[in-house]
């Protein structure tokens, strides 16, 4: 839906410079396309590297390797260079290339246990297209910063507004038939939420604390 939303906003000249989204809309291709087509920067958490190397305290993840796209060479943390750069054998998740290291280099490497669990085969680095790879790695580095956390904090306010409109005003239930009347209901609901918030601000009503599930509450007690 994100490209459709951006196209609709572009027609009305209402495109934002940044668009806060959840993880369901932060695929690396979407990060690239949104900026190239509409100049919109997608702000949201991207999926972390799920490899065991990324989770190990001393493992060498893909981010630890230097990729020379022009020469089509990957250099490992120990300074060894890949010997081949070929189309991906199993192009899953948008992977387009495979950079393979020499078996002799990997076999003799003292850091092999931090890099691969294979007993014989060398390390193979799979890569997306250059733009996708760079966008994903940049987003992963950015989401670990305090600046990102402050910027993305506004998303909590958006989710809170949705929750209030759903629980208090029944936003998910259409009272009328037809898109025109449904849209009118949504507009009236938005006005109602604004009036409720103004009234609560005027009366000094404090914001409610974030709800804690019963399971989470049990964990806190334990």
N, C-alpha and C. Protein backbone atom coordinates (compact mmCIF):
# COMPACT_ATOMS: atom_id res chain seq x y z
N UNK A 1 0.81 -1.22 0.00
CA UNK A 1 0.00 0.00 0.00
C UNK A 1 0.85 1.27 0.00
N UNK A 2 2.11 1.19 0.40
CA UNK A 2 2.90 2.42 0.54
C UNK A 2 3.06 3.17 -0.78
N UNK A 3 3.37 2.50 -1.90
CA UNK A 3 3.45 3.23 -3.16
C UNK A 3 2.13 3.90 -3.54
N UNK A 4 1.01 3.22 -3.24
CA UNK A 4 -0.30 3.79 -3.55
C UNK A 4 -0.54 5.04 -2.71
N UNK A 5 -0.18 4.99 -1.44
CA UNK A 5 -0.33 6.16 -0.56
C UNK A 5 0.51 7.32 -1.07
N UNK A 6 1.74 7.03 -1.46
CA UNK A 6 2.62 8.10 -1.94
C UNK A 6 2.11 8.70 -3.25
N UNK A 7 1.60 7.86 -4.13
CA UNK A 7 1.05 8.37 -5.39
C UNK A 7 -0.14 9.28 -5.13
N UNK A 8 -0.99 8.88 -4.18
CA UNK A 8 -2.16 9.69 -3.84
C UNK A 8 -1.74 11.03 -3.23
N UNK A 9 -0.75 10.99 -2.35
CA UNK A 9 -0.27 12.23 -1.73
C UNK A 9 0.42 13.13 -2.75
N UNK A 10 1.11 12.52 -3.71
CA UNK A 10 1.79 13.31 -4.73
C UNK A 10 0.79 14.08 -5.59
N UNK A 11 -0.34 13.45 -5.91
CA UNK A 11 -1.35 14.12 -6.72
C UNK A 11 -1.91 15.35 -6.01
N UNK A 12 -1.97 15.28 -4.68
CA UNK A 12 -2.49 16.40 -3.89
C UNK A 12 -1.38 17.33 -3.41
N UNK A 13 -0.14 17.05 -3.85
CA UNK A 13 1.04 17.84 -3.44
C UNK A 13 1.16 17.87 -1.92
N UNK A 14 0.98 16.70 -1.30
CA UNK A 14 1.04 16.59 0.16
C UNK A 14 2.10 15.59 0.62
N UNK A 15 3.05 15.29 -0.24
CA UNK A 15 4.08 14.32 0.12
C UNK A 15 4.95 14.86 1.27
N UNK A 16 5.19 14.04 2.28
CA UNK A 16 6.07 14.47 3.38
C UNK A 16 7.52 14.22 3.00
N UNK A 17 8.43 14.86 3.71
CA UNK A 17 9.85 14.57 3.49
C UNK A 17 10.24 13.27 4.16
N UNK A 18 9.55 12.93 5.27
CA UNK A 18 9.77 11.67 5.96
C UNK A 18 8.42 10.99 6.22
N UNK A 19 8.42 9.67 6.17
CA UNK A 19 7.20 8.90 6.41
C UNK A 19 7.50 7.86 7.47
N UNK A 20 6.87 7.99 8.64
CA UNK A 20 7.08 7.04 9.74
C UNK A 20 6.20 5.82 9.54
N UNK A 21 6.82 4.65 9.49
CA UNK A 21 6.08 3.41 9.26
C UNK A 21 6.60 2.34 10.22
N UNK A 22 5.87 1.21 10.27
CA UNK A 22 6.36 0.10 11.09
C UNK A 22 7.19 -0.84 10.22
N UNK A 23 7.65 -1.94 10.81
CA UNK A 23 8.60 -2.81 10.12
C UNK A 23 8.01 -3.48 8.88
N UNK A 24 6.69 -3.54 8.80
CA UNK A 24 6.08 -4.16 7.63
C UNK A 24 6.28 -3.39 6.35
N UNK A 25 6.78 -2.15 6.44
CA UNK A 25 6.93 -1.30 5.26
C UNK A 25 8.36 -0.83 5.05
N UNK A 26 9.33 -1.54 5.62
CA UNK A 26 10.72 -1.07 5.54
C UNK A 26 11.62 -2.07 4.82
N UNK A 27 11.09 -2.77 3.83
CA UNK A 27 11.94 -3.60 2.99
C UNK A 27 12.94 -2.73 2.25
N UNK A 28 14.12 -3.29 1.97
CA UNK A 28 15.18 -2.47 1.37
C UNK A 28 14.77 -1.89 0.02
N UNK A 29 13.97 -2.63 -0.78
CA UNK A 29 13.52 -2.10 -2.06
C UNK A 29 12.59 -0.92 -1.86
N UNK A 30 11.74 -0.98 -0.79
CA UNK A 30 10.83 0.13 -0.50
C UNK A 30 11.61 1.36 -0.05
N UNK A 31 12.68 1.15 0.72
CA UNK A 31 13.51 2.27 1.15
C UNK A 31 14.08 3.03 -0.04
N UNK A 32 14.49 2.27 -1.05
CA UNK A 32 15.10 2.88 -2.24
C UNK A 32 14.05 3.52 -3.13
N UNK A 33 12.98 2.78 -3.42
CA UNK A 33 11.96 3.28 -4.35
C UNK A 33 11.28 4.55 -3.84
N UNK A 34 10.97 4.60 -2.55
CA UNK A 34 10.26 5.76 -2.02
C UNK A 34 11.09 7.03 -2.16
N UNK A 35 12.40 6.89 -1.96
CA UNK A 35 13.26 8.07 -2.06
C UNK A 35 13.50 8.45 -3.52
N UNK A 36 13.67 7.47 -4.38
CA UNK A 36 13.95 7.77 -5.79
C UNK A 36 12.73 8.32 -6.52
N UNK A 37 11.56 7.75 -6.26
CA UNK A 37 10.37 8.14 -7.00
C UNK A 37 9.69 9.38 -6.45
N UNK A 38 9.71 9.52 -5.12
CA UNK A 38 8.95 10.61 -4.51
C UNK A 38 9.78 11.49 -3.58
N UNK A 39 11.04 11.16 -3.35
CA UNK A 39 11.86 11.96 -2.44
C UNK A 39 11.44 11.83 -1.00
N UNK A 40 10.80 10.70 -0.65
CA UNK A 40 10.32 10.48 0.71
C UNK A 40 11.26 9.52 1.43
N UNK A 41 11.74 9.93 2.57
CA UNK A 41 12.61 9.07 3.38
C UNK A 41 11.75 8.23 4.31
N UNK A 42 11.87 6.91 4.20
CA UNK A 42 11.12 6.01 5.06
C UNK A 42 11.83 5.89 6.40
N UNK A 43 11.11 6.18 7.48
CA UNK A 43 11.67 6.10 8.83
C UNK A 43 10.94 5.00 9.59
N UNK A 44 11.67 3.97 9.95
CA UNK A 44 11.07 2.86 10.67
C UNK A 44 12.10 1.78 10.90
N UNK A 45 11.83 0.87 11.81
CA UNK A 45 12.79 -0.20 12.09
C UNK A 45 12.86 -1.20 10.95
N UNK A 46 14.06 -1.57 10.57
CA UNK A 46 14.26 -2.60 9.55
C UNK A 46 14.61 -3.91 10.25
N UNK A 47 14.44 -5.01 9.54
CA UNK A 47 14.73 -6.31 10.12
C UNK A 47 16.23 -6.42 10.40
N UNK A 48 16.54 -6.97 11.55
CA UNK A 48 17.94 -7.14 11.92
C UNK A 48 18.53 -8.35 11.19
N UNK A 49 19.85 -8.39 11.15
CA UNK A 49 20.56 -9.54 10.60
C UNK A 49 20.29 -10.73 11.52
N UNK A 50 19.66 -11.77 10.96
CA UNK A 50 19.28 -12.92 11.79
C UNK A 50 20.33 -14.03 11.79
N UNK A 51 21.45 -13.82 11.15
CA UNK A 51 22.49 -14.85 11.10
C UNK A 51 23.09 -15.06 12.49
N UNK A 52 23.63 -16.25 12.72
CA UNK A 52 24.23 -16.53 14.03
C UNK A 52 25.46 -15.66 14.26
N UNK A 53 26.14 -15.27 13.16
CA UNK A 53 27.32 -14.42 13.33
C UNK A 53 26.94 -13.06 13.91
N UNK A 54 25.78 -12.54 13.50
CA UNK A 54 25.34 -11.23 14.00
C UNK A 54 24.97 -11.29 15.47
N UNK A 55 24.50 -12.45 15.93
CA UNK A 55 24.07 -12.58 17.32
C UNK A 55 25.20 -13.03 18.25
N UNK A 56 26.25 -13.58 17.67
CA UNK A 56 27.38 -14.01 18.49
C UNK A 56 28.19 -12.79 18.92
N UNK A 57 28.71 -12.85 20.12
CA UNK A 57 29.46 -11.71 20.66
C UNK A 57 30.71 -11.42 19.83
N UNK A 58 31.30 -12.45 19.23
CA UNK A 58 32.53 -12.26 18.47
C UNK A 58 32.39 -12.74 17.02
N UNK A 59 31.17 -12.91 16.55
CA UNK A 59 30.98 -13.40 15.19
C UNK A 59 31.17 -12.32 14.15
N UNK A 60 31.58 -12.72 12.95
CA UNK A 60 31.76 -11.80 11.84
C UNK A 60 30.49 -11.82 10.98
N UNK A 61 29.65 -10.81 11.13
CA UNK A 61 28.43 -10.73 10.34
C UNK A 61 28.74 -10.09 8.99
N UNK A 62 27.74 -10.03 8.13
CA UNK A 62 27.93 -9.45 6.80
C UNK A 62 28.37 -7.99 6.87
N UNK A 63 27.91 -7.30 7.90
CA UNK A 63 28.26 -5.88 8.04
C UNK A 63 29.74 -5.69 8.33
N UNK A 64 30.44 -6.73 8.77
CA UNK A 64 31.87 -6.63 9.07
C UNK A 64 32.74 -6.79 7.83
N UNK A 65 32.15 -7.13 6.70
CA UNK A 65 32.89 -7.31 5.45
C UNK A 65 32.80 -6.04 4.62
N UNK A 66 33.89 -5.73 3.92
CA UNK A 66 33.92 -4.56 3.03
C UNK A 66 33.60 -4.99 1.61
N UNK A 67 32.61 -4.36 1.02
CA UNK A 67 32.18 -4.71 -0.33
C UNK A 67 32.64 -3.64 -1.31
N UNK A 68 33.47 -4.05 -2.27
CA UNK A 68 33.90 -3.16 -3.36
C UNK A 68 33.05 -3.49 -4.57
N UNK A 69 32.00 -2.73 -4.78
CA UNK A 69 31.05 -3.01 -5.84
C UNK A 69 31.66 -2.81 -7.23
N UNK A 70 32.54 -1.84 -7.36
CA UNK A 70 33.13 -1.57 -8.67
C UNK A 70 34.05 -2.70 -9.12
N UNK A 71 34.84 -3.23 -8.18
CA UNK A 71 35.76 -4.32 -8.50
C UNK A 71 35.12 -5.69 -8.29
N UNK A 72 33.93 -5.70 -7.69
CA UNK A 72 33.22 -6.94 -7.38
C UNK A 72 34.08 -7.87 -6.51
N UNK A 73 34.55 -7.28 -5.43
CA UNK A 73 35.41 -8.01 -4.49
C UNK A 73 34.93 -7.71 -3.08
N UNK A 74 34.88 -8.74 -2.22
CA UNK A 74 34.53 -8.59 -0.82
C UNK A 74 35.76 -8.92 0.02
N UNK A 75 36.06 -8.07 0.99
CA UNK A 75 37.21 -8.27 1.86
C UNK A 75 36.73 -8.60 3.26
N UNK A 76 37.25 -9.69 3.83
CA UNK A 76 36.83 -10.12 5.17
C UNK A 76 37.57 -9.32 6.24
N UNK A 77 37.14 -9.41 7.50
CA UNK A 77 37.80 -8.67 8.58
C UNK A 77 39.29 -9.02 8.75
N UNK A 78 39.70 -10.20 8.28
CA UNK A 78 41.11 -10.60 8.38
C UNK A 78 41.93 -10.19 7.16
N UNK A 79 41.31 -9.45 6.24
CA UNK A 79 42.04 -8.92 5.09
C UNK A 79 42.06 -9.80 3.86
N UNK A 80 41.40 -10.96 3.89
CA UNK A 80 41.36 -11.84 2.73
C UNK A 80 40.25 -11.39 1.78
N UNK A 81 40.53 -11.52 0.47
CA UNK A 81 39.57 -11.09 -0.54
C UNK A 81 38.87 -12.28 -1.18
N UNK A 82 37.63 -12.08 -1.58
CA UNK A 82 36.88 -13.14 -2.26
C UNK A 82 37.52 -13.44 -3.61
N UNK A 83 37.33 -14.67 -4.08
CA UNK A 83 37.93 -15.09 -5.34
C UNK A 83 36.91 -15.20 -6.46
N UNK A 84 35.63 -15.09 -6.12
CA UNK A 84 34.60 -15.14 -7.17
C UNK A 84 33.42 -14.26 -6.78
N UNK A 85 32.71 -13.80 -7.80
CA UNK A 85 31.50 -12.97 -7.65
C UNK A 85 30.52 -13.43 -8.71
N UNK A 86 29.52 -14.20 -8.31
CA UNK A 86 28.64 -14.84 -9.26
C UNK A 86 27.17 -14.56 -8.93
N UNK A 87 26.28 -14.75 -9.90
CA UNK A 87 24.84 -14.64 -9.59
C UNK A 87 24.45 -15.63 -8.50
N UNK A 88 23.51 -15.24 -7.66
CA UNK A 88 23.11 -16.08 -6.53
C UNK A 88 22.50 -17.40 -7.02
N UNK A 89 22.92 -18.48 -6.38
CA UNK A 89 22.39 -19.80 -6.73
C UNK A 89 20.95 -19.94 -6.26
N UNK A 90 20.66 -19.40 -5.09
CA UNK A 90 19.30 -19.45 -4.53
C UNK A 90 18.87 -18.01 -4.21
N UNK A 91 18.30 -17.30 -5.18
CA UNK A 91 17.98 -15.88 -4.99
C UNK A 91 16.79 -15.65 -4.07
N UNK A 92 16.96 -15.96 -2.78
CA UNK A 92 15.91 -15.72 -1.80
C UNK A 92 16.07 -14.34 -1.18
N UNK A 93 14.93 -13.72 -0.86
CA UNK A 93 14.98 -12.42 -0.19
C UNK A 93 15.68 -11.35 -0.99
N UNK A 94 15.66 -11.46 -2.33
CA UNK A 94 16.27 -10.43 -3.16
C UNK A 94 17.77 -10.57 -3.33
N UNK A 95 18.36 -11.67 -2.84
CA UNK A 95 19.80 -11.86 -2.99
C UNK A 95 20.15 -12.10 -4.46
N UNK A 96 21.10 -11.33 -4.98
CA UNK A 96 21.44 -11.43 -6.39
C UNK A 96 22.84 -11.94 -6.66
N UNK A 97 23.73 -11.79 -5.67
CA UNK A 97 25.12 -12.17 -5.90
C UNK A 97 25.66 -13.03 -4.76
N UNK A 98 26.68 -13.82 -5.09
CA UNK A 98 27.40 -14.61 -4.10
C UNK A 98 28.89 -14.34 -4.25
N UNK A 99 29.52 -13.91 -3.17
CA UNK A 99 30.96 -13.71 -3.16
C UNK A 99 31.57 -14.85 -2.34
N UNK A 100 32.41 -15.65 -2.99
CA UNK A 100 32.98 -16.83 -2.33
C UNK A 100 34.46 -16.60 -2.06
N UNK A 101 34.88 -17.01 -0.87
CA UNK A 101 36.29 -16.91 -0.50
C UNK A 101 37.01 -18.22 -0.82
N UNK A 102 38.33 -18.15 -0.88
CA UNK A 102 39.13 -19.32 -1.19
C UNK A 102 39.08 -20.30 -0.02
N UNK A 103 38.98 -21.58 -0.34
CA UNK A 103 38.92 -22.60 0.69
C UNK A 103 40.21 -22.61 1.53
N UNK A 104 41.34 -22.43 0.87
CA UNK A 104 42.62 -22.44 1.60
C UNK A 104 42.72 -21.28 2.57
N UNK A 105 42.23 -20.10 2.15
CA UNK A 105 42.28 -18.93 3.03
C UNK A 105 41.43 -19.15 4.27
N UNK A 106 40.23 -19.70 4.07
CA UNK A 106 39.32 -19.91 5.20
C UNK A 106 39.80 -21.05 6.10
N UNK A 107 40.36 -22.09 5.50
CA UNK A 107 40.79 -23.25 6.29
C UNK A 107 41.93 -22.88 7.24
N UNK A 108 42.81 -22.01 6.79
CA UNK A 108 43.97 -21.65 7.61
C UNK A 108 43.71 -20.45 8.52
N UNK A 109 42.53 -19.86 8.43
CA UNK A 109 42.25 -18.64 9.20
C UNK A 109 42.06 -18.96 10.68
N UNK A 110 42.77 -18.28 11.57
CA UNK A 110 42.61 -18.53 13.01
C UNK A 110 41.26 -18.07 13.55
N UNK A 111 40.54 -17.25 12.79
CA UNK A 111 39.24 -16.73 13.22
C UNK A 111 38.09 -17.46 12.54
N UNK A 112 38.36 -18.61 11.96
CA UNK A 112 37.34 -19.34 11.21
C UNK A 112 36.09 -19.64 12.04
N UNK A 113 36.26 -19.99 13.30
CA UNK A 113 35.11 -20.34 14.15
C UNK A 113 34.19 -19.16 14.39
N UNK A 114 34.69 -17.94 14.20
CA UNK A 114 33.87 -16.75 14.36
C UNK A 114 33.15 -16.37 13.06
N UNK A 115 33.49 -17.09 11.98
CA UNK A 115 33.01 -16.70 10.65
C UNK A 115 32.07 -17.72 10.04
N UNK A 116 32.39 -18.98 10.16
CA UNK A 116 31.56 -20.03 9.55
C UNK A 116 31.59 -21.29 10.40
N UNK A 117 30.50 -22.04 10.37
CA UNK A 117 30.41 -23.30 11.09
C UNK A 117 30.67 -24.50 10.17
N UNK A 118 30.88 -24.22 8.88
CA UNK A 118 31.17 -25.29 7.95
C UNK A 118 32.55 -25.89 8.25
N UNK A 119 32.65 -27.20 8.18
CA UNK A 119 33.93 -27.86 8.48
C UNK A 119 34.90 -27.78 7.30
N UNK A 120 34.36 -27.66 6.09
CA UNK A 120 35.22 -27.68 4.91
C UNK A 120 35.05 -26.45 4.03
N UNK A 121 33.80 -26.10 3.74
CA UNK A 121 33.52 -25.03 2.78
C UNK A 121 33.92 -23.66 3.32
N UNK A 122 34.31 -22.75 2.42
CA UNK A 122 34.68 -21.38 2.84
C UNK A 122 33.45 -20.52 3.08
N UNK A 123 33.64 -19.33 3.55
CA UNK A 123 32.55 -18.39 3.79
C UNK A 123 32.02 -17.87 2.46
N UNK A 124 30.73 -17.78 2.34
CA UNK A 124 30.08 -17.21 1.16
C UNK A 124 29.21 -16.04 1.62
N UNK A 125 29.38 -14.89 1.00
CA UNK A 125 28.61 -13.70 1.33
C UNK A 125 27.57 -13.46 0.25
N UNK A 126 26.29 -13.48 0.60
CA UNK A 126 25.23 -13.20 -0.36
C UNK A 126 24.86 -11.72 -0.28
N UNK A 127 24.58 -11.14 -1.43
CA UNK A 127 24.34 -9.70 -1.51
C UNK A 127 23.11 -9.39 -2.36
N UNK A 128 22.38 -8.36 -1.93
CA UNK A 128 21.30 -7.84 -2.76
C UNK A 128 21.91 -6.94 -3.84
N UNK A 129 21.06 -6.29 -4.62
CA UNK A 129 21.53 -5.26 -5.53
C UNK A 129 22.20 -4.15 -4.71
N UNK A 130 23.12 -3.45 -5.32
CA UNK A 130 23.94 -2.48 -4.58
C UNK A 130 23.10 -1.45 -3.83
N UNK A 131 22.12 -0.86 -4.49
CA UNK A 131 21.29 0.17 -3.84
C UNK A 131 20.53 -0.42 -2.66
N UNK A 132 19.99 -1.61 -2.83
CA UNK A 132 19.24 -2.25 -1.75
C UNK A 132 20.16 -2.58 -0.57
N UNK A 133 21.32 -3.12 -0.86
CA UNK A 133 22.27 -3.48 0.20
C UNK A 133 22.70 -2.25 0.99
N UNK A 134 23.07 -1.19 0.28
CA UNK A 134 23.53 0.03 0.96
C UNK A 134 22.42 0.65 1.81
N UNK A 135 21.19 0.63 1.27
CA UNK A 135 20.06 1.21 2.01
C UNK A 135 19.78 0.44 3.28
N UNK A 136 19.83 -0.89 3.20
CA UNK A 136 19.56 -1.72 4.37
C UNK A 136 20.64 -1.58 5.43
N UNK A 137 21.90 -1.60 5.03
CA UNK A 137 22.98 -1.47 5.99
C UNK A 137 22.96 -0.09 6.66
N UNK A 138 22.65 0.94 5.87
CA UNK A 138 22.58 2.29 6.43
C UNK A 138 21.44 2.40 7.43
N UNK A 139 20.29 1.79 7.11
CA UNK A 139 19.14 1.84 8.01
C UNK A 139 19.43 1.08 9.31
N UNK A 140 20.14 -0.03 9.22
CA UNK A 140 20.48 -0.79 10.42
C UNK A 140 21.40 0.00 11.33
N UNK A 141 22.36 0.69 10.74
CA UNK A 141 23.25 1.53 11.56
C UNK A 141 22.48 2.69 12.18
N UNK A 142 21.58 3.28 11.40
CA UNK A 142 20.85 4.45 11.87
C UNK A 142 19.90 4.13 13.02
N UNK A 143 19.24 2.96 12.96
CA UNK A 143 18.24 2.65 13.98
C UNK A 143 18.85 2.33 15.34
N UNK A 144 20.17 2.23 15.40
CA UNK A 144 20.84 2.01 16.67
C UNK A 144 21.22 3.33 17.36
N UNK A 145 20.91 4.46 16.73
CA UNK A 145 21.29 5.76 17.26
C UNK A 145 20.16 6.38 18.09
N UNK A 146 20.55 7.30 18.95
CA UNK A 146 19.56 8.01 19.77
C UNK A 146 18.72 8.94 18.90
N UNK A 147 19.33 9.48 17.86
CA UNK A 147 18.60 10.37 16.95
C UNK A 147 17.42 9.66 16.31
N UNK A 148 17.63 8.40 15.91
CA UNK A 148 16.53 7.63 15.32
C UNK A 148 15.43 7.39 16.35
N UNK A 149 15.79 7.03 17.57
CA UNK A 149 14.78 6.75 18.60
C UNK A 149 13.94 7.99 18.88
N UNK A 150 14.56 9.16 18.90
CA UNK A 150 13.80 10.38 19.14
C UNK A 150 12.88 10.68 17.96
N UNK A 151 13.37 10.48 16.75
CA UNK A 151 12.56 10.74 15.56
C UNK A 151 11.39 9.78 15.46
N UNK A 152 11.63 8.51 15.79
CA UNK A 152 10.59 7.49 15.64
C UNK A 152 9.60 7.50 16.80
N UNK A 153 9.91 8.22 17.86
CA UNK A 153 9.01 8.27 19.02
C UNK A 153 7.64 8.81 18.64
N UNK A 154 7.58 9.64 17.59
CA UNK A 154 6.29 10.18 17.15
C UNK A 154 5.35 9.08 16.69
N UNK A 155 5.92 7.94 16.29
CA UNK A 155 5.09 6.82 15.84
C UNK A 155 4.20 6.32 16.97
N UNK A 156 4.69 6.38 18.21
CA UNK A 156 3.88 5.96 19.35
C UNK A 156 2.63 6.83 19.48
N UNK A 157 2.77 8.12 19.18
CA UNK A 157 1.62 9.01 19.22
C UNK A 157 0.60 8.66 18.15
N UNK A 158 1.09 8.26 16.98
CA UNK A 158 0.20 7.86 15.89
C UNK A 158 -0.57 6.61 16.28
N UNK A 159 0.15 5.62 16.83
CA UNK A 159 -0.51 4.39 17.25
C UNK A 159 -1.52 4.66 18.38
N UNK A 160 -1.18 5.58 19.29
CA UNK A 160 -2.08 5.93 20.37
C UNK A 160 -3.36 6.57 19.86
N UNK A 161 -3.21 7.40 18.81
CA UNK A 161 -4.39 8.04 18.22
C UNK A 161 -5.30 7.00 17.57
N UNK A 162 -4.69 6.05 16.85
CA UNK A 162 -5.49 4.98 16.25
C UNK A 162 -6.23 4.19 17.32
N UNK A 163 -5.51 3.84 18.38
CA UNK A 163 -6.12 3.04 19.45
C UNK A 163 -7.28 3.78 20.10
N UNK A 164 -7.11 5.08 20.33
CA UNK A 164 -8.18 5.85 20.95
C UNK A 164 -9.40 5.94 20.04
N UNK A 165 -9.16 6.14 18.74
CA UNK A 165 -10.27 6.23 17.80
C UNK A 165 -11.01 4.90 17.68
N UNK A 166 -10.28 3.80 17.80
CA UNK A 166 -10.90 2.48 17.69
C UNK A 166 -11.68 2.13 18.95
N UNK A 167 -11.06 2.32 20.13
CA UNK A 167 -11.70 1.90 21.37
C UNK A 167 -12.83 2.85 21.79
N UNK A 168 -12.62 4.14 21.61
CA UNK A 168 -13.60 5.11 22.12
C UNK A 168 -14.65 5.49 21.08
N UNK A 169 -14.26 5.47 19.81
CA UNK A 169 -15.18 5.95 18.78
C UNK A 169 -15.60 4.88 17.78
N UNK A 170 -15.17 3.64 17.99
CA UNK A 170 -15.60 2.55 17.11
C UNK A 170 -15.20 2.74 15.67
N UNK A 171 -13.95 3.15 15.44
CA UNK A 171 -13.51 3.49 14.09
C UNK A 171 -13.57 2.31 13.13
N UNK A 172 -13.38 1.11 13.63
CA UNK A 172 -13.33 -0.04 12.73
C UNK A 172 -14.71 -0.52 12.27
N UNK A 173 -15.75 -0.01 12.84
CA UNK A 173 -17.09 -0.42 12.45
C UNK A 173 -17.76 0.68 11.63
N UNK A 174 -18.07 0.36 10.37
CA UNK A 174 -18.73 1.33 9.50
C UNK A 174 -20.24 1.34 9.79
N UNK A 175 -20.76 2.51 10.09
CA UNK A 175 -22.18 2.63 10.41
C UNK A 175 -23.04 2.86 9.17
N UNK A 176 -22.38 3.10 8.04
CA UNK A 176 -23.13 3.43 6.83
C UNK A 176 -22.63 2.59 5.67
N UNK A 177 -23.36 2.61 4.57
CA UNK A 177 -23.01 1.87 3.37
C UNK A 177 -22.49 2.84 2.32
N UNK A 178 -21.36 2.47 1.71
CA UNK A 178 -20.79 3.32 0.67
C UNK A 178 -19.53 4.03 1.14
N UNK A 179 -18.57 4.20 0.22
CA UNK A 179 -17.29 4.81 0.58
C UNK A 179 -17.44 6.27 0.99
N UNK A 180 -18.33 6.98 0.35
CA UNK A 180 -18.49 8.40 0.66
C UNK A 180 -18.95 8.59 2.10
N UNK A 181 -19.94 7.80 2.53
CA UNK A 181 -20.43 7.92 3.91
C UNK A 181 -19.40 7.39 4.91
N UNK A 182 -18.67 6.35 4.50
CA UNK A 182 -17.62 5.82 5.39
C UNK A 182 -16.54 6.87 5.60
N UNK A 183 -16.17 7.56 4.53
CA UNK A 183 -15.17 8.62 4.66
C UNK A 183 -15.67 9.74 5.58
N UNK A 184 -16.94 10.10 5.44
CA UNK A 184 -17.51 11.12 6.31
C UNK A 184 -17.44 10.67 7.77
N UNK A 185 -17.73 9.39 8.02
CA UNK A 185 -17.63 8.88 9.38
C UNK A 185 -16.21 9.02 9.93
N UNK A 186 -15.23 8.71 9.09
CA UNK A 186 -13.83 8.82 9.52
C UNK A 186 -13.46 10.27 9.85
N UNK A 187 -13.93 11.19 9.03
CA UNK A 187 -13.65 12.61 9.28
C UNK A 187 -14.29 13.05 10.59
N UNK A 188 -15.53 12.66 10.82
CA UNK A 188 -16.22 13.04 12.06
C UNK A 188 -15.53 12.40 13.27
N UNK A 189 -15.07 11.17 13.10
CA UNK A 189 -14.34 10.50 14.19
C UNK A 189 -13.07 11.25 14.52
N UNK A 190 -12.34 11.70 13.50
CA UNK A 190 -11.11 12.45 13.73
C UNK A 190 -11.40 13.75 14.48
N UNK A 191 -12.48 14.42 14.10
CA UNK A 191 -12.88 15.65 14.81
C UNK A 191 -13.23 15.34 16.26
N UNK A 192 -13.93 14.22 16.47
CA UNK A 192 -14.32 13.84 17.83
C UNK A 192 -13.10 13.57 18.70
N UNK A 193 -12.10 12.90 18.15
CA UNK A 193 -10.87 12.63 18.91
C UNK A 193 -10.19 13.93 19.30
N UNK A 194 -10.14 14.88 18.36
CA UNK A 194 -9.54 16.18 18.67
C UNK A 194 -10.30 16.90 19.79
N UNK A 195 -11.64 16.86 19.73
CA UNK A 195 -12.45 17.52 20.76
C UNK A 195 -12.25 16.85 22.12
N UNK A 196 -12.18 15.52 22.12
CA UNK A 196 -11.95 14.79 23.38
C UNK A 196 -10.61 15.19 23.98
N UNK A 197 -9.60 15.30 23.16
CA UNK A 197 -8.26 15.64 23.67
C UNK A 197 -8.20 17.08 24.16
N UNK A 198 -8.89 17.98 23.47
CA UNK A 198 -8.93 19.38 23.93
C UNK A 198 -9.65 19.45 25.28
N UNK A 199 -10.76 18.73 25.42
CA UNK A 199 -11.51 18.74 26.67
C UNK A 199 -10.68 18.16 27.82
N UNK A 200 -9.96 17.08 27.55
CA UNK A 200 -9.14 16.47 28.60
C UNK A 200 -7.97 17.37 28.96
N UNK A 201 -7.41 18.06 27.98
CA UNK A 201 -6.31 19.00 28.28
C UNK A 201 -6.83 20.15 29.13
N UNK A 202 -8.02 20.65 28.79
CA UNK A 202 -8.59 21.78 29.52
C UNK A 202 -8.93 21.40 30.96
N UNK A 203 -9.38 20.16 31.15
CA UNK A 203 -9.76 19.72 32.50
C UNK A 203 -8.58 19.17 33.31
N UNK A 204 -7.43 19.11 32.66
CA UNK A 204 -6.24 18.63 33.37
C UNK A 204 -6.17 17.12 33.53
N UNK A 205 -6.92 16.41 32.71
CA UNK A 205 -6.89 14.94 32.79
C UNK A 205 -5.55 14.43 32.28
N UNK A 206 -4.90 13.62 33.09
CA UNK A 206 -3.60 13.09 32.72
C UNK A 206 -3.74 11.96 31.71
N UNK A 207 -2.73 11.82 30.86
CA UNK A 207 -2.74 10.73 29.89
C UNK A 207 -2.62 9.39 30.61
N UNK A 208 -3.31 8.40 30.08
CA UNK A 208 -3.26 7.07 30.69
C UNK A 208 -1.91 6.43 30.43
N UNK A 209 -1.50 5.59 31.37
CA UNK A 209 -0.26 4.86 31.18
C UNK A 209 -0.44 3.78 30.12
N UNK A 210 0.67 3.39 29.52
CA UNK A 210 0.62 2.31 28.53
C UNK A 210 0.11 1.04 29.19
N UNK A 211 -0.85 0.40 28.53
CA UNK A 211 -1.41 -0.81 29.08
C UNK A 211 -0.38 -1.94 29.12
N UNK A 212 -0.45 -2.75 30.15
CA UNK A 212 0.46 -3.89 30.31
C UNK A 212 -0.39 -5.16 30.30
N UNK A 213 -0.02 -6.09 29.45
CA UNK A 213 -0.79 -7.33 29.36
C UNK A 213 -0.63 -8.13 30.63
N UNK A 214 -1.57 -9.03 30.88
CA UNK A 214 -1.53 -9.85 32.10
C UNK A 214 -0.26 -10.71 32.13
N UNK A 215 0.14 -11.21 30.97
CA UNK A 215 1.35 -12.03 30.93
C UNK A 215 2.59 -11.21 31.31
N UNK A 216 2.66 -9.97 30.74
CA UNK A 216 3.80 -9.09 31.05
C UNK A 216 3.79 -8.71 32.53
N UNK A 217 2.59 -8.51 33.11
CA UNK A 217 2.49 -8.16 34.51
C UNK A 217 3.00 -9.30 35.39
N UNK A 218 2.71 -10.55 35.01
CA UNK A 218 3.21 -11.71 35.76
C UNK A 218 4.72 -11.77 35.72
N UNK A 219 5.31 -11.43 34.58
CA UNK A 219 6.76 -11.44 34.45
C UNK A 219 7.39 -10.38 35.36
N UNK A 220 6.73 -9.22 35.46
CA UNK A 220 7.24 -8.15 36.30
C UNK A 220 7.20 -8.58 37.77
N UNK A 221 6.15 -9.29 38.17
CA UNK A 221 6.04 -9.75 39.54
C UNK A 221 7.11 -10.78 39.86
N UNK A 222 7.34 -11.68 38.87
CA UNK A 222 8.35 -12.72 39.08
C UNK A 222 9.74 -12.11 39.15
